[in-house]
């Protein structure tokens, strides 16, 4: 039988950390969205044929689904979300300033896996 101790305890978030986390999350989302928008604009600017519009549509659909899958603001998964965003370059360690040192350490460790 499995004991409850083997499951990692969900970290507590102070009100100040929640504000920091929200700002970092929103900043990453803005960076990611701006990158997608810039590429879609580039694709449209280079469109030569009507079918190119559907390539832009396909690009946006693919990235919409990726963004929807990544950006989950539940505190129970936020450390993992931040780790992925850090690994992919949408967040920096500086964006996490204000979180407890242990949380930042966990995020960086997860990002380096």
PDB file of N, CA and C in Angstrom:
ATOM      1  N   UNK A   1       0.842  -1.182   0.000  1.00  0.00           N
ATOM      2  CA  UNK A   1       0.000   0.000   0.000  1.00  0.00           C
ATOM      3  C   UNK A   1       0.887   1.245   0.000  1.00  0.00           C
ATOM      4  N   UNK A   2       0.521   2.241  -0.747  1.00  0.00           N
ATOM      5  CA  UNK A   2       1.288   3.482  -0.843  1.00  0.00           C
ATOM      6  C   UNK A   2       0.932   4.416   0.304  1.00  0.00           C
ATOM      7  N   UNK A   3       1.954   5.079   0.836  1.00  0.00           N
ATOM      8  CA  UNK A   3       1.688   6.057   1.888  1.00  0.00           C
ATOM      9  C   UNK A   3       1.522   7.438   1.261  1.00  0.00           C
ATOM     10  N   UNK A   4       0.823   8.296   1.957  1.00  0.00           N
ATOM     11  CA  UNK A   4       0.556   9.646   1.461  1.00  0.00           C
ATOM     12  C   UNK A   4       1.837  10.483   1.416  1.00  0.00           C
ATOM     13  N   UNK A   5       2.854  10.149   2.236  1.00  0.00           N
ATOM     14  CA  UNK A   5       4.095  10.909   2.265  1.00  0.00           C
ATOM     15  C   UNK A   5       4.867  10.852   0.959  1.00  0.00           C
ATOM     16  N   UNK A   6       4.614   9.798   0.169  1.00  0.00           N
ATOM     17  CA  UNK A   6       5.390   9.679  -1.061  1.00  0.00           C
ATOM     18  C   UNK A   6       4.965  10.703  -2.108  1.00  0.00           C
ATOM     19  N   UNK A   7       3.833  11.318  -1.913  1.00  0.00           N
ATOM     20  CA  UNK A   7       3.370  12.329  -2.856  1.00  0.00           C
ATOM     21  C   UNK A   7       3.862  13.691  -2.384  1.00  0.00           C
ATOM     22  N   UNK A   8       4.391  14.448  -3.317  1.00  0.00           N
ATOM     23  CA  UNK A   8       4.958  15.748  -2.978  1.00  0.00           C
ATOM     24  C   UNK A   8       3.866  16.698  -2.515  1.00  0.00           C
ATOM     25  N   UNK A   9       4.147  17.380  -1.426  1.00  0.00           N
ATOM     26  CA  UNK A   9       3.205  18.347  -0.896  1.00  0.00           C
ATOM     27  C   UNK A   9       3.169  19.579  -1.802  1.00  0.00           C
ATOM     28  N   UNK A  10       1.990  20.058  -2.061  1.00  0.00           N
ATOM     29  CA  UNK A  10       1.825  21.251  -2.889  1.00  0.00           C
ATOM     30  C   UNK A  10       2.359  22.461  -2.122  1.00  0.00           C
ATOM     31  N   UNK A  11       3.195  23.284  -2.760  1.00  0.00           N
ATOM     32  CA  UNK A  11       3.768  24.432  -2.046  1.00  0.00           C
ATOM     33  C   UNK A  11       2.709  25.492  -1.737  1.00  0.00           C
ATOM     34  N   UNK A  12       2.915  26.182  -0.625  1.00  0.00           N
ATOM     35  CA  UNK A  12       2.021  27.288  -0.255  1.00  0.00           C
ATOM     36  C   UNK A  12       2.504  28.551  -0.966  1.00  0.00           C
ATOM     37  N   UNK A  13       1.572  29.389  -1.335  1.00  0.00           N
ATOM     38  CA  UNK A  13       1.883  30.647  -2.019  1.00  0.00           C
ATOM     39  C   UNK A  13       1.404  31.801  -1.149  1.00  0.00           C
ATOM     40  N   UNK A  14       2.325  32.695  -0.807  1.00  0.00           N
ATOM     41  CA  UNK A  14       1.946  33.881  -0.038  1.00  0.00           C
ATOM     42  C   UNK A  14       1.247  34.863  -0.978  1.00  0.00           C
ATOM     43  N   UNK A  15       0.518  35.823  -0.428  1.00  0.00           N
ATOM     44  CA  UNK A  15      -0.116  36.825  -1.298  1.00  0.00           C
ATOM     45  C   UNK A  15       0.896  37.571  -2.182  1.00  0.00           C
ATOM     46  N   UNK A  16       2.058  37.898  -1.630  1.00  0.00           N
ATOM     47  CA  UNK A  16       3.087  38.594  -2.425  1.00  0.00           C
ATOM     48  C   UNK A  16       3.601  37.689  -3.544  1.00  0.00           C
ATOM     49  N   UNK A  17       3.772  36.408  -3.250  1.00  0.00           N
ATOM     50  CA  UNK A  17       4.228  35.466  -4.279  1.00  0.00           C
ATOM     51  C   UNK A  17       3.171  35.290  -5.369  1.00  0.00           C
ATOM     52  N   UNK A  18       1.921  35.317  -4.975  1.00  0.00           N
ATOM     53  CA  UNK A  18       0.852  35.193  -5.974  1.00  0.00           C
ATOM     54  C   UNK A  18       0.897  36.370  -6.951  1.00  0.00           C
ATOM     55  N   UNK A  19       1.169  37.566  -6.453  1.00  0.00           N
ATOM     56  CA  UNK A  19       1.282  38.739  -7.335  1.00  0.00           C
ATOM     57  C   UNK A  19       2.488  38.600  -8.255  1.00  0.00           C
ATOM     58  N   UNK A  20       3.614  38.174  -7.700  1.00  0.00           N
ATOM     59  CA  UNK A  20       4.823  37.963  -8.500  1.00  0.00           C
ATOM     60  C   UNK A  20       4.581  36.904  -9.560  1.00  0.00           C
ATOM     61  N   UNK A  21       3.955  35.807  -9.154  1.00  0.00           N
ATOM     62  CA  UNK A  21       3.683  34.704 -10.081  1.00  0.00           C
ATOM     63  C   UNK A  21       2.770  35.166 -11.212  1.00  0.00           C
ATOM     64  N   UNK A  22       1.753  35.937 -10.875  1.00  0.00           N
ATOM     65  CA  UNK A  22       0.819  36.423 -11.898  1.00  0.00           C
ATOM     66  C   UNK A  22       1.540  37.318 -12.898  1.00  0.00           C
ATOM     67  N   UNK A  23       2.408  38.207 -12.406  1.00  0.00           N
ATOM     68  CA  UNK A  23       3.156  39.102 -13.293  1.00  0.00           C
ATOM     69  C   UNK A  23       4.083  38.310 -14.204  1.00  0.00           C
ATOM     70  N   UNK A  24       4.773  37.327 -13.635  1.00  0.00           N
ATOM     71  CA  UNK A  24       5.686  36.497 -14.429  1.00  0.00           C
ATOM     72  C   UNK A  24       4.911  35.703 -15.474  1.00  0.00           C
ATOM     73  N   UNK A  25       3.802  35.133 -15.075  1.00  0.00           N
ATOM     74  CA  UNK A  25       2.956  34.350 -15.975  1.00  0.00           C
ATOM     75  C   UNK A  25       2.469  35.220 -17.133  1.00  0.00           C
ATOM     76  N   UNK A  26       1.954  36.403 -16.806  1.00  0.00           N
ATOM     77  CA  UNK A  26       1.441  37.315 -17.828  1.00  0.00           C
ATOM     78  C   UNK A  26       2.555  37.799 -18.761  1.00  0.00           C
ATOM     79  N   UNK A  27       3.735  38.046 -18.202  1.00  0.00           N
ATOM     80  CA  UNK A  27       4.866  38.500 -19.008  1.00  0.00           C
ATOM     81  C   UNK A  27       5.263  37.414 -20.018  1.00  0.00           C
ATOM     82  N   UNK A  28       5.323  36.178 -19.558  1.00  0.00           N
ATOM     83  CA  UNK A  28       5.663  35.063 -20.454  1.00  0.00           C
ATOM     84  C   UNK A  28       4.605  34.918 -21.546  1.00  0.00           C
ATOM     85  N   UNK A  29       3.339  35.014 -21.156  1.00  0.00           N
ATOM     86  CA  UNK A  29       2.254  34.905 -22.129  1.00  0.00           C
ATOM     87  C   UNK A  29       2.348  36.011 -23.179  1.00  0.00           C
ATOM     88  N   UNK A  30       2.638  37.225 -22.734  1.00  0.00           N
ATOM     89  CA  UNK A  30       2.774  38.352 -23.666  1.00  0.00           C
ATOM     90  C   UNK A  30       3.944  38.133 -24.622  1.00  0.00           C
ATOM     91  N   UNK A  31       5.071  37.682 -24.104  1.00  0.00           N
ATOM     92  CA  UNK A  31       6.237  37.416 -24.957  1.00  0.00           C
ATOM     93  C   UNK A  31       5.919  36.339 -25.990  1.00  0.00           C
ATOM     94  N   UNK A  32       5.301  35.279 -25.524  1.00  0.00           N
ATOM     95  CA  UNK A  32       4.976  34.162 -26.410  1.00  0.00           C
ATOM     96  C   UNK A  32       3.976  34.605 -27.482  1.00  0.00           C
ATOM     97  N   UNK A  33       2.945  35.311 -27.053  1.00  0.00           N
ATOM     98  CA  UNK A  33       1.925  35.788 -27.993  1.00  0.00           C
ATOM     99  C   UNK A  33       2.508  36.772 -29.002  1.00  0.00           C
ATOM    100  N   UNK A  34       3.394  37.647 -28.545  1.00  0.00           N
ATOM    101  CA  UNK A  34       4.031  38.615 -29.447  1.00  0.00           C
ATOM    102  C   UNK A  34       4.873  37.898 -30.496  1.00  0.00           C
ATOM    103  N   UNK A  35       5.535  36.832 -30.106  1.00  0.00           N
ATOM    104  CA  UNK A  35       6.334  36.053 -31.044  1.00  0.00           C
ATOM    105  C   UNK A  35       5.451  35.395 -32.108  1.00  0.00           C
ATOM    106  N   UNK A  36       4.337  34.842 -31.663  1.00  0.00           N
ATOM    107  CA  UNK A  36       3.395  34.208 -32.589  1.00  0.00           C
ATOM    108  C   UNK A  36       2.813  35.252 -33.545  1.00  0.00           C
ATOM    109  N   UNK A  37       2.451  36.405 -32.998  1.00  0.00           N
ATOM    110  CA  UNK A  37       1.872  37.459 -33.821  1.00  0.00           C
ATOM    111  C   UNK A  37       2.883  37.962 -34.856  1.00  0.00           C
ATOM    112  N   UNK A  38       4.123  38.136 -34.450  1.00  0.00           N
ATOM    113  CA  UNK A  38       5.153  38.612 -35.380  1.00  0.00           C
ATOM    114  C   UNK A  38       5.337  37.623 -36.531  1.00  0.00           C
ATOM    115  N   UNK A  39       5.343  36.348 -36.221  1.00  0.00           N
ATOM    116  CA  UNK A  39       5.509  35.337 -37.264  1.00  0.00           C
ATOM    117  C   UNK A  39       4.285  35.306 -38.185  1.00  0.00           C
ATOM    118  N   UNK A  40       3.085  35.427 -37.634  1.00  0.00           N
ATOM    119  CA  UNK A  40       1.874  35.448 -38.458  1.00  0.00           C
ATOM    120  C   UNK A  40       1.876  36.671 -39.383  1.00  0.00           C
ATOM    121  N   UNK A  41       2.310  37.811 -38.867  1.00  0.00           N
ATOM    122  CA  UNK A  41       2.399  39.011 -39.698  1.00  0.00           C
ATOM    123  C   UNK A  41       3.422  38.833 -40.808  1.00  0.00           C
ATOM    124  N   UNK A  42       4.555  38.225 -40.482  1.00  0.00           N
ATOM    125  CA  UNK A  42       5.580  37.960 -41.489  1.00  0.00           C
ATOM    126  C   UNK A  42       5.033  37.027 -42.565  1.00  0.00           C
ATOM    127  N   UNK A  43       4.326  36.002 -42.143  1.00  0.00           N
ATOM    128  CA  UNK A  43       3.748  35.055 -43.099  1.00  0.00           C
ATOM    129  C   UNK A  43       2.741  35.756 -44.008  1.00  0.00           C
ATOM    130  N   UNK A  44       1.900  36.614 -43.439  1.00  0.00           N
ATOM    131  CA  UNK A  44       0.907  37.334 -44.250  1.00  0.00           C
ATOM    132  C   UNK A  44       1.586  38.314 -45.199  1.00  0.00           C
ATOM    133  N   UNK A  45       2.636  38.969 -44.742  1.00  0.00           N
ATOM    134  CA  UNK A  45       3.351  39.917 -45.598  1.00  0.00           C
ATOM    135  C   UNK A  45       3.996  39.210 -46.786  1.00  0.00           C
ATOM    136  N   UNK A  46       4.359  37.959 -46.605  1.00  0.00           N
ATOM    137  CA  UNK A  46       4.993  37.180 -47.672  1.00  0.00           C
ATOM    138  C   UNK A  46       4.007  36.338 -48.467  1.00  0.00           C
ATOM    139  N   UNK A  47       2.737  36.435 -48.139  1.00  0.00           N
ATOM    140  CA  UNK A  47       1.725  35.638 -48.841  1.00  0.00           C
ATOM    141  C   UNK A  47       1.627  36.078 -50.294  1.00  0.00           C
ATOM    142  N   UNK A  48       1.657  35.109 -51.180  1.00  0.00           N
ATOM    143  CA  UNK A  48       1.579  35.384 -52.620  1.00  0.00           C
ATOM    144  C   UNK A  48       0.308  34.810 -53.243  1.00  0.00           C
ATOM    145  N   UNK A  49      -0.181  33.746 -52.646  1.00  0.00           N
ATOM    146  CA  UNK A  49      -1.347  33.060 -53.209  1.00  0.00           C
ATOM    147  C   UNK A  49      -2.420  32.938 -52.132  1.00  0.00           C
ATOM    148  N   UNK A  50      -3.680  32.806 -52.558  1.00  0.00           N
ATOM    149  CA  UNK A  50      -4.762  32.655 -51.582  1.00  0.00           C
ATOM    150  C   UNK A  50      -4.545  31.500 -50.599  1.00  0.00           C
ATOM    151  N   UNK A  51      -3.910  30.441 -51.060  1.00  0.00           N
ATOM    152  CA  UNK A  51      -3.708  29.294 -50.165  1.00  0.00           C
ATOM    153  C   UNK A  51      -2.743  29.624 -49.016  1.00  0.00           C
ATOM    154  N   UNK A  52      -1.970  30.685 -49.166  1.00  0.00           N
ATOM    155  CA  UNK A  52      -1.063  31.093 -48.090  1.00  0.00           C
ATOM    156  C   UNK A  52      -1.828  31.517 -46.839  1.00  0.00           C
ATOM    157  N   UNK A  53      -3.040  32.010 -47.032  1.00  0.00           N
ATOM    158  CA  UNK A  53      -3.876  32.393 -45.894  1.00  0.00           C
ATOM    159  C   UNK A  53      -4.141  31.180 -45.016  1.00  0.00           C
ATOM    160  N   UNK A  54      -4.353  30.032 -45.621  1.00  0.00           N
ATOM    161  CA  UNK A  54      -4.642  28.815 -44.853  1.00  0.00           C
ATOM    162  C   UNK A  54      -3.401  28.324 -44.118  1.00  0.00           C
ATOM    163  N   UNK A  55      -2.229  28.609 -44.662  1.00  0.00           N
ATOM    164  CA  UNK A  55      -0.993  28.267 -43.937  1.00  0.00           C
ATOM    165  C   UNK A  55      -0.891  29.100 -42.658  1.00  0.00           C
ATOM    166  N   UNK A  56      -1.278  30.366 -42.758  1.00  0.00           N
ATOM    167  CA  UNK A  56      -1.277  31.235 -41.576  1.00  0.00           C
ATOM    168  C   UNK A  56      -2.308  30.714 -40.575  1.00  0.00           C
ATOM    169  N   UNK A  57      -3.468  30.348 -41.071  1.00  0.00           N
ATOM    170  CA  UNK A  57      -4.506  29.786 -40.212  1.00  0.00           C
ATOM    171  C   UNK A  57      -4.000  28.533 -39.499  1.00  0.00           C
ATOM    172  N   UNK A  58      -3.351  27.641 -40.235  1.00  0.00           N
ATOM    173  CA  UNK A  58      -2.820  26.409 -39.646  1.00  0.00           C
ATOM    174  C   UNK A  58      -1.756  26.716 -38.594  1.00  0.00           C
ATOM    175  N   UNK A  59      -0.893  27.677 -38.892  1.00  0.00           N
ATOM    176  CA  UNK A  59       0.146  28.095 -37.947  1.00  0.00           C
ATOM    177  C   UNK A  59      -0.497  28.605 -36.651  1.00  0.00           C
ATOM    178  N   UNK A  60      -1.477  29.488 -36.790  1.00  0.00           N
ATOM    179  CA  UNK A  60      -2.137  30.054 -35.611  1.00  0.00           C
ATOM    180  C   UNK A  60      -2.892  28.989 -34.823  1.00  0.00           C
ATOM    181  N   UNK A  61      -3.553  28.083 -35.518  1.00  0.00           N
ATOM    182  CA  UNK A  61      -4.285  27.011 -34.833  1.00  0.00           C
ATOM    183  C   UNK A  61      -3.343  26.121 -34.031  1.00  0.00           C
ATOM    184  N   UNK A  62      -2.232  25.780 -34.640  1.00  0.00           N
ATOM    185  CA  UNK A  62      -1.245  24.932 -33.959  1.00  0.00           C
ATOM    186  C   UNK A  62      -0.732  25.621 -32.695  1.00  0.00           C
ATOM    187  N   UNK A  63      -0.398  26.893 -32.826  1.00  0.00           N
ATOM    188  CA  UNK A  63       0.158  27.611 -31.682  1.00  0.00           C
ATOM    189  C   UNK A  63      -0.898  27.936 -30.637  1.00  0.00           C
ATOM    190  N   UNK A  64      -2.125  28.103 -31.039  1.00  0.00           N
ATOM    191  CA  UNK A  64      -3.213  28.320 -30.075  1.00  0.00           C
ATOM    192  C   UNK A  64      -3.342  27.100 -29.174  1.00  0.00           C
ATOM    193  N   UNK A  65      -3.286  25.945 -29.788  1.00  0.00           N
ATOM    194  CA  UNK A  65      -3.407  24.720 -29.014  1.00  0.00           C
ATOM    195  C   UNK A  65      -2.209  24.531 -28.097  1.00  0.00           C
ATOM    196  N   UNK A  66      -1.025  24.892 -28.548  1.00  0.00           N
ATOM    197  CA  UNK A  66       0.167  24.808 -27.699  1.00  0.00           C
ATOM    198  C   UNK A  66       0.053  25.768 -26.521  1.00  0.00           C
ATOM    199  N   UNK A  67      -0.331  26.996 -26.792  1.00  0.00           N
ATOM    200  CA  UNK A  67      -0.476  28.007 -25.737  1.00  0.00           C
ATOM    201  C   UNK A  67      -1.541  27.569 -24.734  1.00  0.00           C
ATOM    202  N   UNK A  68      -2.646  27.069 -25.206  1.00  0.00           N
ATOM    203  CA  UNK A  68      -3.708  26.609 -24.304  1.00  0.00           C
ATOM    204  C   UNK A  68      -3.231  25.474 -23.402  1.00  0.00           C
ATOM    205  N   UNK A  69      -2.352  24.638 -23.922  1.00  0.00           N
ATOM    206  CA  UNK A  69      -1.841  23.503 -23.157  1.00  0.00           C
ATOM    207  C   UNK A  69      -0.798  23.943 -22.124  1.00  0.00           C
ATOM    208  N   UNK A  70       0.031  24.921 -22.477  1.00  0.00           N
ATOM    209  CA  UNK A  70       1.127  25.353 -21.601  1.00  0.00           C
ATOM    210  C   UNK A  70       0.653  26.254 -20.465  1.00  0.00           C
ATOM    211  N   UNK A  71      -0.141  27.253 -20.791  1.00  0.00           N
ATOM    212  CA  UNK A  71      -0.463  28.303 -19.828  1.00  0.00           C
ATOM    213  C   UNK A  71      -1.621  27.902 -18.929  1.00  0.00           C
ATOM    214  N   UNK A  72      -1.259  27.286 -17.814  1.00  0.00           N
ATOM    215  CA  UNK A  72      -2.208  26.796 -16.820  1.00  0.00           C
ATOM    216  C   UNK A  72      -1.851  27.463 -15.498  1.00  0.00           C
ATOM    217  N   UNK A  73      -2.719  28.326 -15.016  1.00  0.00           N
ATOM    218  CA  UNK A  73      -2.396  29.101 -13.820  1.00  0.00           C
ATOM    219  C   UNK A  73      -2.977  28.491 -12.540  1.00  0.00           C
ATOM    220  N   UNK A  74      -2.951  27.196 -12.436  1.00  0.00           N
ATOM    221  CA  UNK A  74      -3.327  26.562 -11.171  1.00  0.00           C
ATOM    222  C   UNK A  74      -2.054  26.450 -10.331  1.00  0.00           C
ATOM    223  N   UNK A  75      -2.150  26.871  -9.073  1.00  0.00           N
ATOM    224  CA  UNK A  75      -0.968  26.864  -8.221  1.00  0.00           C
ATOM    225  C   UNK A  75      -0.373  25.471  -8.087  1.00  0.00           C
ATOM    226  N   UNK A  76      -1.177  24.448  -8.210  1.00  0.00           N
ATOM    227  CA  UNK A  76      -0.688  23.077  -8.070  1.00  0.00           C
ATOM    228  C   UNK A  76       0.274  22.683  -9.191  1.00  0.00           C
ATOM    229  N   UNK A  77       0.222  23.342 -10.323  1.00  0.00           N
ATOM    230  CA  UNK A  77       1.093  23.009 -11.460  1.00  0.00           C
ATOM    231  C   UNK A  77       1.999  24.168 -11.875  1.00  0.00           C
ATOM    232  N   UNK A  78       1.910  25.273 -11.180  1.00  0.00           N
ATOM    233  CA  UNK A  78       2.597  26.490 -11.606  1.00  0.00           C
ATOM    234  C   UNK A  78       4.115  26.356 -11.631  1.00  0.00           C
ATOM    235  N   UNK A  79       4.693  25.613 -10.697  1.00  0.00           N
ATOM    236  CA  UNK A  79       6.151  25.433 -10.723  1.00  0.00           C
ATOM    237  C   UNK A  79       6.575  24.726 -12.010  1.00  0.00           C
ATOM    238  N   UNK A  80       5.807  23.733 -12.425  1.00  0.00           N
ATOM    239  CA  UNK A  80       6.109  23.027 -13.676  1.00  0.00           C
ATOM    240  C   UNK A  80       5.900  23.938 -14.885  1.00  0.00           C
ATOM    241  N   UNK A  81       4.865  24.745 -14.862  1.00  0.00           N
ATOM    242  CA  UNK A  81       4.602  25.687 -15.954  1.00  0.00           C
ATOM    243  C   UNK A  81       5.771  26.672 -16.053  1.00  0.00           C
ATOM    244  N   UNK A  82       6.183  27.231 -14.925  1.00  0.00           N
ATOM    245  CA  UNK A  82       7.303  28.171 -14.927  1.00  0.00           C
ATOM    246  C   UNK A  82       8.586  27.505 -15.405  1.00  0.00           C
ATOM    247  N   UNK A  83       8.804  26.259 -15.017  1.00  0.00           N
ATOM    248  CA  UNK A  83      10.004  25.544 -15.466  1.00  0.00           C
ATOM    249  C   UNK A  83      10.014  25.414 -16.980  1.00  0.00           C
ATOM    250  N   UNK A  84       8.893  25.063 -17.557  1.00  0.00           N
ATOM    251  CA  UNK A  84       8.821  24.932 -19.015  1.00  0.00           C
ATOM    252  C   UNK A  84       9.036  26.286 -19.692  1.00  0.00           C
ATOM    253  N   UNK A  85       8.397  27.317 -19.162  1.00  0.00           N
ATOM    254  CA  UNK A  85       8.535  28.652 -19.745  1.00  0.00           C
ATOM    255  C   UNK A  85       9.972  29.156 -19.636  1.00  0.00           C
ATOM    256  N   UNK A  86      10.636  28.834 -18.546  1.00  0.00           N
ATOM    257  CA  UNK A  86      12.041  29.200 -18.374  1.00  0.00           C
ATOM    258  C   UNK A  86      12.904  28.438 -19.378  1.00  0.00           C
ATOM    259  N   UNK A  87      12.670  27.139 -19.499  1.00  0.00           N
ATOM    260  CA  UNK A  87      13.433  26.299 -20.428  1.00  0.00           C
ATOM    261  C   UNK A  87      13.263  26.771 -21.867  1.00  0.00           C
ATOM    262  N   UNK A  88      12.049  27.186 -22.225  1.00  0.00           N
ATOM    263  CA  UNK A  88      11.766  27.605 -23.599  1.00  0.00           C
ATOM    264  C   UNK A  88      12.104  29.073 -23.868  1.00  0.00           C
ATOM    265  N   UNK A  89      12.522  29.796 -22.829  1.00  0.00           N
ATOM    266  CA  UNK A  89      12.960  31.176 -23.018  1.00  0.00           C
ATOM    267  C   UNK A  89      11.877  32.234 -22.907  1.00  0.00           C
ATOM    268  N   UNK A  90      10.692  31.859 -22.500  1.00  0.00           N
ATOM    269  CA  UNK A  90       9.609  32.843 -22.352  1.00  0.00           C
ATOM    270  C   UNK A  90       9.680  33.555 -21.009  1.00  0.00           C
ATOM    271  N   UNK A  91      10.395  32.968 -20.055  1.00  0.00           N
ATOM    272  CA  UNK A  91      10.626  33.557 -18.738  1.00  0.00           C
ATOM    273  C   UNK A  91      12.123  33.598 -18.474  1.00  0.00           C
ATOM    274  N   UNK A  92      12.526  34.511 -17.609  1.00  0.00           N
ATOM    275  CA  UNK A  92      13.909  34.532 -17.123  1.00  0.00           C
ATOM    276  C   UNK A  92      13.856  34.349 -15.607  1.00  0.00           C
ATOM    277  N   UNK A  93      14.993  34.024 -15.035  1.00  0.00           N
ATOM    278  CA  UNK A  93      15.045  33.910 -13.571  1.00  0.00           C
ATOM    279  C   UNK A  93      14.692  35.238 -12.926  1.00  0.00           C
ATOM    280  N   UNK A  94      15.081  36.325 -13.562  1.00  0.00           N
ATOM    281  CA  UNK A  94      14.781  37.655 -13.017  1.00  0.00           C
ATOM    282  C   UNK A  94      13.272  37.881 -12.906  1.00  0.00           C
ATOM    283  N   UNK A  95      12.498  37.296 -13.817  1.00  0.00           N
ATOM    284  CA  UNK A  95      11.039  37.430 -13.768  1.00  0.00           C
ATOM    285  C   UNK A  95      10.453  36.772 -12.522  1.00  0.00           C
ATOM    286  N   UNK A  96      11.198  35.856 -11.930  1.00  0.00           N
ATOM    287  CA  UNK A  96      10.717  35.103 -10.765  1.00  0.00           C
ATOM    288  C   UNK A  96      11.123  35.741  -9.443  1.00  0.00           C
ATOM    289  N   UNK A  97      11.868  36.843  -9.509  1.00  0.00           N
ATOM    290  CA  UNK A  97      12.290  37.536  -8.287  1.00  0.00           C
ATOM    291  C   UNK A  97      11.054  37.937  -7.493  1.00  0.00           C
ATOM    292  N   UNK A  98      11.041  37.529  -6.238  1.00  0.00           N
ATOM    293  CA  UNK A  98       9.879  37.772  -5.380  1.00  0.00           C
ATOM    294  C   UNK A  98       9.273  36.468  -4.902  1.00  0.00           C
ATOM    295  N   UNK A  99       9.625  35.376  -5.591  1.00  0.00           N
ATOM    296  CA  UNK A  99       9.207  34.053  -5.117  1.00  0.00           C
ATOM    297  C   UNK A  99      10.215  33.580  -4.081  1.00  0.00           C
ATOM    298  N   UNK A 100       9.802  32.667  -3.230  1.00  0.00           N
ATOM    299  CA  UNK A 100      10.719  32.097  -2.243  1.00  0.00           C
ATOM    300  C   UNK A 100      11.890  31.440  -2.966  1.00  0.00           C
ATOM    301  N   UNK A 101      13.044  31.559  -2.368  1.00  0.00           N
ATOM    302  CA  UNK A 101      14.273  31.016  -2.953  1.00  0.00           C
ATOM    303  C   UNK A 101      14.115  29.532  -3.297  1.00  0.00           C
ATOM    304  N   UNK A 102      13.457  28.798  -2.432  1.00  0.00           N
ATOM    305  CA  UNK A 102      13.264  27.355  -2.659  1.00  0.00           C
ATOM    306  C   UNK A 102      12.416  27.092  -3.903  1.00  0.00           C
ATOM    307  N   UNK A 103      11.406  27.905  -4.126  1.00  0.00           N
ATOM    308  CA  UNK A 103      10.568  27.752  -5.325  1.00  0.00           C
ATOM    309  C   UNK A 103      11.392  28.027  -6.584  1.00  0.00           C
ATOM    310  N   UNK A 104      12.185  29.087  -6.554  1.00  0.00           N
ATOM    311  CA  UNK A 104      13.017  29.418  -7.714  1.00  0.00           C
ATOM    312  C   UNK A 104      13.997  28.279  -7.981  1.00  0.00           C
ATOM    313  N   UNK A 105      14.591  27.760  -6.926  1.00  0.00           N
ATOM    314  CA  UNK A 105      15.520  26.636  -7.054  1.00  0.00           C
ATOM    315  C   UNK A 105      14.819  25.431  -7.705  1.00  0.00           C
ATOM    316  N   UNK A 106      13.611  25.129  -7.256  1.00  0.00           N
ATOM    317  CA  UNK A 106      12.836  24.010  -7.842  1.00  0.00           C
ATOM    318  C   UNK A 106      12.519  24.261  -9.317  1.00  0.00           C
ATOM    319  N   UNK A 107      12.138  25.486  -9.639  1.00  0.00           N
ATOM    320  CA  UNK A 107      11.803  25.827 -11.030  1.00  0.00           C
ATOM    321  C   UNK A 107      13.027  25.665 -11.907  1.00  0.00           C
ATOM    322  N   UNK A 108      14.159  26.192 -11.462  1.00  0.00           N
ATOM    323  CA  UNK A 108      15.398  26.093 -12.249  1.00  0.00           C
ATOM    324  C   UNK A 108      15.803  24.628 -12.412  1.00  0.00           C
ATOM    325  N   UNK A 109      15.703  23.855 -11.349  1.00  0.00           N
ATOM    326  CA  UNK A 109      16.042  22.422 -11.416  1.00  0.00           C
ATOM    327  C   UNK A 109      15.152  21.704 -12.429  1.00  0.00           C
ATOM    328  N   UNK A 110      13.858  21.955 -12.369  1.00  0.00           N
ATOM    329  CA  UNK A 110      12.925  21.333 -13.314  1.00  0.00           C
ATOM    330  C   UNK A 110      13.219  21.785 -14.740  1.00  0.00           C
ATOM    331  N   UNK A 111      13.581  23.034 -14.913  1.00  0.00           N
ATOM    332  CA  UNK A 111      13.863  23.567 -16.257  1.00  0.00           C
ATOM    333  C   UNK A 111      15.090  22.900 -16.864  1.00  0.00           C
ATOM    334  N   UNK A 112      16.012  22.477 -16.019  1.00  0.00           N
ATOM    335  CA  UNK A 112      17.249  21.875 -16.496  1.00  0.00           C
ATOM    336  C   UNK A 112      17.157  20.367 -16.733  1.00  0.00           C
ATOM    337  N   UNK A 113      16.008  19.787 -16.470  1.00  0.00           N
ATOM    338  CA  UNK A 113      15.839  18.341 -16.695  1.00  0.00           C
ATOM    339  C   UNK A 113      15.825  18.007 -18.160  1.00  0.00           C
TER     340      UNK A 113
END
